[in-house]
Amino acid sequence: MQEISRKEREKLNRRKEILIAARKVFATKEYDSATVDEIAKVAEVSKGTIYLYFSNKAELFLSTFESGIEEFIELTKKIISENKDDLMKGICELIRSQLAYCQENVDILRMLSSERAHFEFHSKAKGNSKFKRRIISMMAQNIGEVADYIRAGINMGIFKQVDSKDAALALFSVIHGISANWAMGYDNSNLSEKADTI
């Protein structure tokens, strides 16, 4: 694999810093009231710098979702690859690590959990078919990897005989539901402690 240059690394880091700032702003404001000026202020960059990376606010908004999903997927892949010999431990670690990710990244979780953000996400994504296909593909691949992992456990007699895709979907739904409930302030307990319940 070819190493990227220092300049390219700096560009990637700057883009990531802008996305983190955008998460903070979009998590606390509705899309219409959030401004690129405010995101630039939080990111400690000029408004013009943001437009070097994102063509408009809608692209920046969608990119915050995509970056959160990418991080979640990378975490899933890492846990699966590190736990090929102990699948039960792997599922438990997957649950714990995803809850910890949600707790550490509450801004993106609030964005993903609010009804208003869902509406904005779908309305902006509707006009961007490439983005929509990319997100659907990423999520389907992530569910497929967990389903394959569960299927391997079923074949080894570790897990009960169930539809592995349904089991993967159910697992993600429970994690998301509990995390969203916590992020919206309906549960004040430590999110990581929910792993044993799941």
C-alpha atoms as a PDB file:
ATOM      1  CA  MET A   1       0.000   0.000   0.000  1.00  0.00           C
ATOM      2  CA  GLN A   2       1.363   3.400  -1.012  1.00  0.00           C
ATOM      3  CA  GLU A   3       2.012   5.861   1.801  1.00  0.00           C
ATOM      4  CA  ILE A   4       0.251   9.199   1.475  1.00  0.00           C
ATOM      5  CA  SER A   5       2.219  12.431   1.576  1.00  0.00           C
ATOM      6  CA  ARG A   6       2.280  14.816   4.521  1.00  0.00           C
ATOM      7  CA  LYS A   7       0.199  17.305   2.523  1.00  0.00           C
ATOM      8  CA  GLU A   8      -2.469  14.654   1.806  1.00  0.00           C
ATOM      9  CA  ARG A   9      -2.505  13.645   5.498  1.00  0.00           C
ATOM     10  CA  GLU A  10      -2.995  17.279   6.480  1.00  0.00           C
ATOM     11  CA  LYS A  11      -5.898  17.575   4.032  1.00  0.00           C
ATOM     12  CA  LEU A  12      -7.535  14.434   5.425  1.00  0.00           C
ATOM     13  CA  ASN A  13      -7.069  15.691   8.992  1.00  0.00           C
ATOM     14  CA  ARG A  14      -8.519  19.107   8.112  1.00  0.00           C
ATOM     15  CA  ARG A  15     -11.540  17.447   6.465  1.00  0.00           C
ATOM     16  CA  LYS A  16     -12.049  15.300   9.562  1.00  0.00           C
ATOM     17  CA  GLU A  17     -11.841  18.370  11.838  1.00  0.00           C
ATOM     18  CA  ILE A  18     -14.502  20.111   9.726  1.00  0.00           C
ATOM     19  CA  LEU A  19     -16.765  17.047   9.925  1.00  0.00           C
ATOM     20  CA  ILE A  20     -16.376  16.888  13.712  1.00  0.00           C
ATOM     21  CA  ALA A  21     -17.300  20.574  13.963  1.00  0.00           C
ATOM     22  CA  ALA A  22     -20.289  20.022  11.661  1.00  0.00           C
ATOM     23  CA  ARG A  23     -21.488  17.144  13.852  1.00  0.00           C
ATOM     24  CA  LYS A  24     -21.447  19.420  16.896  1.00  0.00           C
ATOM     25  CA  VAL A  25     -23.413  22.139  15.136  1.00  0.00           C
ATOM     26  CA  PHE A  26     -25.927  19.847  13.392  1.00  0.00           C
ATOM     27  CA  ALA A  27     -26.475  17.896  16.632  1.00  0.00           C
ATOM     28  CA  THR A  28     -27.623  21.026  18.459  1.00  0.00           C
ATOM     29  CA  LYS A  29     -29.456  22.906  15.689  1.00  0.00           C
ATOM     30  CA  GLU A  30     -31.934  22.157  12.955  1.00  0.00           C
ATOM     31  CA  TYR A  31     -30.458  22.014   9.478  1.00  0.00           C
ATOM     32  CA  ASP A  32     -31.969  25.329   8.347  1.00  0.00           C
ATOM     33  CA  SER A  33     -30.656  27.275  11.350  1.00  0.00           C
ATOM     34  CA  ALA A  34     -27.143  25.772  11.251  1.00  0.00           C
ATOM     35  CA  THR A  35     -24.769  27.892   9.181  1.00  0.00           C
ATOM     36  CA  VAL A  36     -21.487  27.234   7.426  1.00  0.00           C
ATOM     37  CA  ASP A  37     -20.126  30.314   9.247  1.00  0.00           C
ATOM     38  CA  GLU A  38     -20.889  28.677  12.592  1.00  0.00           C
ATOM     39  CA  ILE A  39     -19.315  25.377  11.519  1.00  0.00           C
ATOM     40  CA  ALA A  40     -16.217  27.274  10.344  1.00  0.00           C
ATOM     41  CA  LYS A  41     -16.000  29.001  13.739  1.00  0.00           C
ATOM     42  CA  VAL A  42     -16.222  25.698  15.637  1.00  0.00           C
ATOM     43  CA  ALA A  43     -13.655  24.105  13.278  1.00  0.00           C
ATOM     44  CA  GLU A  44     -11.413  27.190  13.649  1.00  0.00           C
ATOM     45  CA  VAL A  45     -11.112  27.605   9.893  1.00  0.00           C
ATOM     46  CA  SER A  46     -12.375  30.177   7.403  1.00  0.00           C
ATOM     47  CA  LYS A  47     -15.669  29.683   5.601  1.00  0.00           C
ATOM     48  CA  GLY A  48     -13.670  29.514   2.367  1.00  0.00           C
ATOM     49  CA  THR A  49     -11.663  26.581   3.722  1.00  0.00           C
ATOM     50  CA  ILE A  50     -14.872  24.610   4.255  1.00  0.00           C
ATOM     51  CA  TYR A  51     -15.817  25.204   0.608  1.00  0.00           C
ATOM     52  CA  LEU A  52     -12.482  23.725  -0.470  1.00  0.00           C
ATOM     53  CA  TYR A  53     -13.711  20.396   0.969  1.00  0.00           C
ATOM     54  CA  PHE A  54     -17.505  20.578   0.575  1.00  0.00           C
ATOM     55  CA  SER A  55     -19.415  22.284  -2.224  1.00  0.00           C
ATOM     56  CA  ASN A  56     -22.353  23.344  -0.007  1.00  0.00           C
ATOM     57  CA  LYS A  57     -24.034  22.851   3.367  1.00  0.00           C
ATOM     58  CA  ALA A  58     -26.105  19.912   2.095  1.00  0.00           C
ATOM     59  CA  GLU A  59     -22.972  17.999   1.050  1.00  0.00           C
ATOM     60  CA  LEU A  60     -21.380  18.754   4.423  1.00  0.00           C
ATOM     61  CA  PHE A  61     -24.520  17.560   6.225  1.00  0.00           C
ATOM     62  CA  LEU A  62     -24.625  14.276   4.285  1.00  0.00           C
ATOM     63  CA  SER A  63     -20.884  13.793   4.757  1.00  0.00           C
ATOM     64  CA  THR A  64     -21.285  13.954   8.547  1.00  0.00           C
ATOM     65  CA  PHE A  65     -23.656  10.992   8.337  1.00  0.00           C
ATOM     66  CA  GLU A  66     -21.376   9.119   5.991  1.00  0.00           C
ATOM     67  CA  SER A  67     -18.289   9.628   8.172  1.00  0.00           C
ATOM     68  CA  GLY A  68     -20.145   8.347  11.238  1.00  0.00           C
ATOM     69  CA  ILE A  69     -21.316   5.263   9.351  1.00  0.00           C
ATOM     70  CA  GLU A  70     -17.778   4.658   8.019  1.00  0.00           C
ATOM     71  CA  GLU A  71     -16.336   4.801  11.551  1.00  0.00           C
ATOM     72  CA  PHE A  72     -19.007   2.396  12.797  1.00  0.00           C
ATOM     73  CA  ILE A  73     -18.260  -0.035   9.944  1.00  0.00           C
ATOM     74  CA  GLU A  74     -14.499   0.105  10.554  1.00  0.00           C
ATOM     75  CA  LEU A  75     -15.113  -0.681  14.210  1.00  0.00           C
ATOM     76  CA  THR A  76     -17.272  -3.688  13.262  1.00  0.00           C
ATOM     77  CA  LYS A  77     -14.593  -5.021  10.884  1.00  0.00           C
ATOM     78  CA  LYS A  78     -11.886  -4.606  13.516  1.00  0.00           C
ATOM     79  CA  ILE A  79     -13.835  -6.510  16.185  1.00  0.00           C
ATOM     80  CA  ILE A  80     -14.707  -9.344  13.788  1.00  0.00           C
ATOM     81  CA  SER A  81     -11.110  -9.710  12.572  1.00  0.00           C
ATOM     82  CA  GLU A  82      -9.756  -9.723  16.134  1.00  0.00           C
ATOM     83  CA  ASN A  83     -12.227 -12.380  17.340  1.00  0.00           C
ATOM     84  CA  LYS A  84     -12.237 -15.102  14.685  1.00  0.00           C
ATOM     85  CA  ASP A  85     -11.363 -17.819  17.224  1.00  0.00           C
ATOM     86  CA  ASP A  86     -13.971 -16.954  19.878  1.00  0.00           C
ATOM     87  CA  LEU A  87     -17.233 -15.940  18.238  1.00  0.00           C
ATOM     88  CA  MET A  88     -19.236 -15.569  21.449  1.00  0.00           C
ATOM     89  CA  LYS A  89     -16.581 -13.220  22.823  1.00  0.00           C
ATOM     90  CA  GLY A  90     -16.614 -11.417  19.465  1.00  0.00           C
ATOM     91  CA  ILE A  91     -20.368 -10.739  19.576  1.00  0.00           C
ATOM     92  CA  CYS A  92     -20.067  -9.476  23.170  1.00  0.00           C
ATOM     93  CA  GLU A  93     -17.107  -7.278  22.194  1.00  0.00           C
ATOM     94  CA  LEU A  94     -19.018  -5.989  19.160  1.00  0.00           C
ATOM     95  CA  ILE A  95     -21.897  -4.889  21.401  1.00  0.00           C
ATOM     96  CA  ARG A  96     -19.586  -3.293  23.981  1.00  0.00           C
ATOM     97  CA  SER A  97     -17.454  -1.478  21.417  1.00  0.00           C
ATOM     98  CA  GLN A  98     -20.458  -0.120  19.515  1.00  0.00           C
ATOM     99  CA  LEU A  99     -22.071   1.169  22.708  1.00  0.00           C
ATOM    100  CA  ALA A 100     -18.742   2.757  23.703  1.00  0.00           C
ATOM    101  CA  TYR A 101     -18.496   4.357  20.240  1.00  0.00           C
ATOM    102  CA  CYS A 102     -22.007   5.780  20.635  1.00  0.00           C
ATOM    103  CA  GLN A 103     -21.177   7.136  24.081  1.00  0.00           C
ATOM    104  CA  GLU A 104     -17.940   8.753  22.864  1.00  0.00           C
ATOM    105  CA  ASN A 105     -19.580  10.163  19.719  1.00  0.00           C
ATOM    106  CA  VAL A 106     -22.836  11.459  21.136  1.00  0.00           C
ATOM    107  CA  ASP A 107     -22.981  14.309  18.578  1.00  0.00           C
ATOM    108  CA  ILE A 108     -23.290  11.990  15.603  1.00  0.00           C
ATOM    109  CA  LEU A 109     -25.661   9.774  17.573  1.00  0.00           C
ATOM    110  CA  ARG A 110     -27.940  12.754  18.280  1.00  0.00           C
ATOM    111  CA  MET A 111     -27.851  13.619  14.592  1.00  0.00           C
ATOM    112  CA  LEU A 112     -28.739  10.072  13.586  1.00  0.00           C
ATOM    113  CA  SER A 113     -31.454   9.809  16.241  1.00  0.00           C
ATOM    114  CA  SER A 114     -33.456  13.005  15.859  1.00  0.00           C
ATOM    115  CA  GLU A 115     -36.591  12.882  13.747  1.00  0.00           C
ATOM    116  CA  ARG A 116     -35.761  16.258  12.211  1.00  0.00           C
ATOM    117  CA  ALA A 117     -32.313  15.019  11.175  1.00  0.00           C
ATOM    118  CA  HIS A 118     -33.889  11.919   9.610  1.00  0.00           C
ATOM    119  CA  PHE A 119     -36.210  14.149   7.591  1.00  0.00           C
ATOM    120  CA  GLU A 120     -33.344  16.411   6.505  1.00  0.00           C
ATOM    121  CA  PHE A 121     -31.118  13.431   5.721  1.00  0.00           C
ATOM    122  CA  HIS A 122     -33.734  11.799   3.502  1.00  0.00           C
ATOM    123  CA  SER A 123     -34.678  15.024   1.743  1.00  0.00           C
ATOM    124  CA  LYS A 124     -31.026  15.877   0.994  1.00  0.00           C
ATOM    125  CA  ALA A 125     -30.096  12.286   0.076  1.00  0.00           C
ATOM    126  CA  LYS A 126     -33.086  12.040  -2.284  1.00  0.00           C
ATOM    127  CA  GLY A 127     -31.450  14.544  -4.601  1.00  0.00           C
ATOM    128  CA  ASN A 128     -28.104  12.761  -4.480  1.00  0.00           C
ATOM    129  CA  SER A 129     -28.586   9.256  -5.860  1.00  0.00           C
ATOM    130  CA  LYS A 130     -24.848   8.399  -5.795  1.00  0.00           C
ATOM    131  CA  PHE A 131     -24.676   9.200  -2.095  1.00  0.00           C
ATOM    132  CA  LYS A 132     -27.844   7.226  -1.366  1.00  0.00           C
ATOM    133  CA  ARG A 133     -26.566   4.146  -3.220  1.00  0.00           C
ATOM    134  CA  ARG A 134     -23.197   4.408  -1.441  1.00  0.00           C
ATOM    135  CA  ILE A 135     -24.826   4.564   2.028  1.00  0.00           C
ATOM    136  CA  ILE A 136     -27.189   1.664   1.270  1.00  0.00           C
ATOM    137  CA  SER A 137     -24.261  -0.391  -0.040  1.00  0.00           C
ATOM    138  CA  MET A 138     -22.107   0.387   3.037  1.00  0.00           C
ATOM    139  CA  MET A 139     -24.875  -0.526   5.469  1.00  0.00           C
ATOM    140  CA  ALA A 140     -25.775  -3.708   3.579  1.00  0.00           C
ATOM    141  CA  GLN A 141     -22.105  -4.757   3.573  1.00  0.00           C
ATOM    142  CA  ASN A 142     -21.837  -4.121   7.324  1.00  0.00           C
ATOM    143  CA  ILE A 143     -24.966  -6.147   8.076  1.00  0.00           C
ATOM    144  CA  GLY A 144     -23.688  -8.873   5.732  1.00  0.00           C
ATOM    145  CA  GLU A 145     -20.356  -9.129   7.561  1.00  0.00           C
ATOM    146  CA  VAL A 146     -22.075  -9.497  10.935  1.00  0.00           C
ATOM    147  CA  ALA A 147     -24.547 -11.993   9.431  1.00  0.00           C
ATOM    148  CA  ASP A 148     -21.618 -14.062   8.091  1.00  0.00           C
ATOM    149  CA  TYR A 149     -20.004 -13.938  11.540  1.00  0.00           C
ATOM    150  CA  ILE A 150     -23.229 -15.126  13.185  1.00  0.00           C
ATOM    151  CA  ARG A 151     -23.660 -17.839  10.525  1.00  0.00           C
ATOM    152  CA  ALA A 152     -20.158 -19.115  11.295  1.00  0.00           C
ATOM    153  CA  GLY A 153     -21.174 -19.332  14.957  1.00  0.00           C
ATOM    154  CA  ILE A 154     -24.349 -21.214  14.017  1.00  0.00           C
ATOM    155  CA  ASN A 155     -22.349 -23.685  11.908  1.00  0.00           C
ATOM    156  CA  MET A 156     -19.989 -24.263  14.841  1.00  0.00           C
ATOM    157  CA  GLY A 157     -22.931 -24.875  17.201  1.00  0.00           C
ATOM    158  CA  ILE A 158     -22.151 -21.769  19.286  1.00  0.00           C
ATOM    159  CA  PHE A 159     -25.344 -19.879  18.376  1.00  0.00           C
ATOM    160  CA  LYS A 160     -28.906 -21.122  17.945  1.00  0.00           C
ATOM    161  CA  GLN A 161     -30.184 -21.917  14.458  1.00  0.00           C
ATOM    162  CA  VAL A 162     -31.689 -18.610  13.301  1.00  0.00           C
ATOM    163  CA  ASP A 163     -31.698 -16.497  10.169  1.00  0.00           C
ATOM    164  CA  SER A 164     -28.277 -14.852  10.488  1.00  0.00           C
ATOM    165  CA  LYS A 165     -29.263 -11.718   8.528  1.00  0.00           C
ATOM    166  CA  ASP A 166     -32.322 -11.186  10.732  1.00  0.00           C
ATOM    167  CA  ALA A 167     -30.128 -11.707  13.793  1.00  0.00           C
ATOM    168  CA  ALA A 168     -27.610  -9.098  12.556  1.00  0.00           C
ATOM    169  CA  LEU A 169     -30.416  -6.613  11.842  1.00  0.00           C
ATOM    170  CA  ALA A 170     -31.953  -7.257  15.261  1.00  0.00           C
ATOM    171  CA  LEU A 171     -28.592  -6.764  16.969  1.00  0.00           C
ATOM    172  CA  PHE A 172     -27.977  -3.421  15.238  1.00  0.00           C
ATOM    173  CA  SER A 173     -31.568  -2.317  15.913  1.00  0.00           C
ATOM    174  CA  VAL A 174     -31.283  -3.028  19.638  1.00  0.00           C
ATOM    175  CA  ILE A 175     -27.918  -1.247  19.893  1.00  0.00           C
ATOM    176  CA  HIS A 176     -29.257   1.749  17.963  1.00  0.00           C
ATOM    177  CA  GLY A 177     -32.522   1.870  19.933  1.00  0.00           C
ATOM    178  CA  ILE A 178     -30.864   1.780  23.341  1.00  0.00           C
ATOM    179  CA  SER A 179     -28.175   4.248  22.239  1.00  0.00           C
ATOM    180  CA  ALA A 180     -30.717   6.665  20.722  1.00  0.00           C
ATOM    181  CA  ASN A 181     -32.836   6.551  23.883  1.00  0.00           C
ATOM    182  CA  TRP A 182     -29.723   7.369  25.928  1.00  0.00           C
ATOM    183  CA  ALA A 183     -28.554  10.141  23.559  1.00  0.00           C
ATOM    184  CA  MET A 184     -31.922  11.879  23.662  1.00  0.00           C
ATOM    185  CA  GLY A 185     -31.695  12.007  27.456  1.00  0.00           C
ATOM    186  CA  TYR A 186     -34.374   9.447  28.311  1.00  0.00           C
ATOM    187  CA  ASP A 187     -31.927   7.258  30.220  1.00  0.00           C
ATOM    188  CA  ASN A 188     -29.250   8.702  32.505  1.00  0.00           C
ATOM    189  CA  SER A 189     -27.371   5.460  33.170  1.00  0.00           C
ATOM    190  CA  ASN A 190     -23.965   4.599  31.707  1.00  0.00           C
ATOM    191  CA  LEU A 191     -24.547   3.444  28.129  1.00  0.00           C
ATOM    192  CA  SER A 192     -21.680   0.929  28.230  1.00  0.00           C
ATOM    193  CA  GLU A 193     -23.419  -0.895  31.089  1.00  0.00           C
ATOM    194  CA  LYS A 194     -26.239  -1.849  28.693  1.00  0.00           C
ATOM    195  CA  ALA A 195     -23.982  -4.379  26.949  1.00  0.00           C
ATOM    196  CA  ASP A 196     -24.837  -7.190  29.357  1.00  0.00           C
ATOM    197  CA  THR A 197     -28.568  -6.573  28.886  1.00  0.00           C
ATOM    198  CA  ILE A 198     -28.212  -6.798  25.107  1.00  0.00           C
END
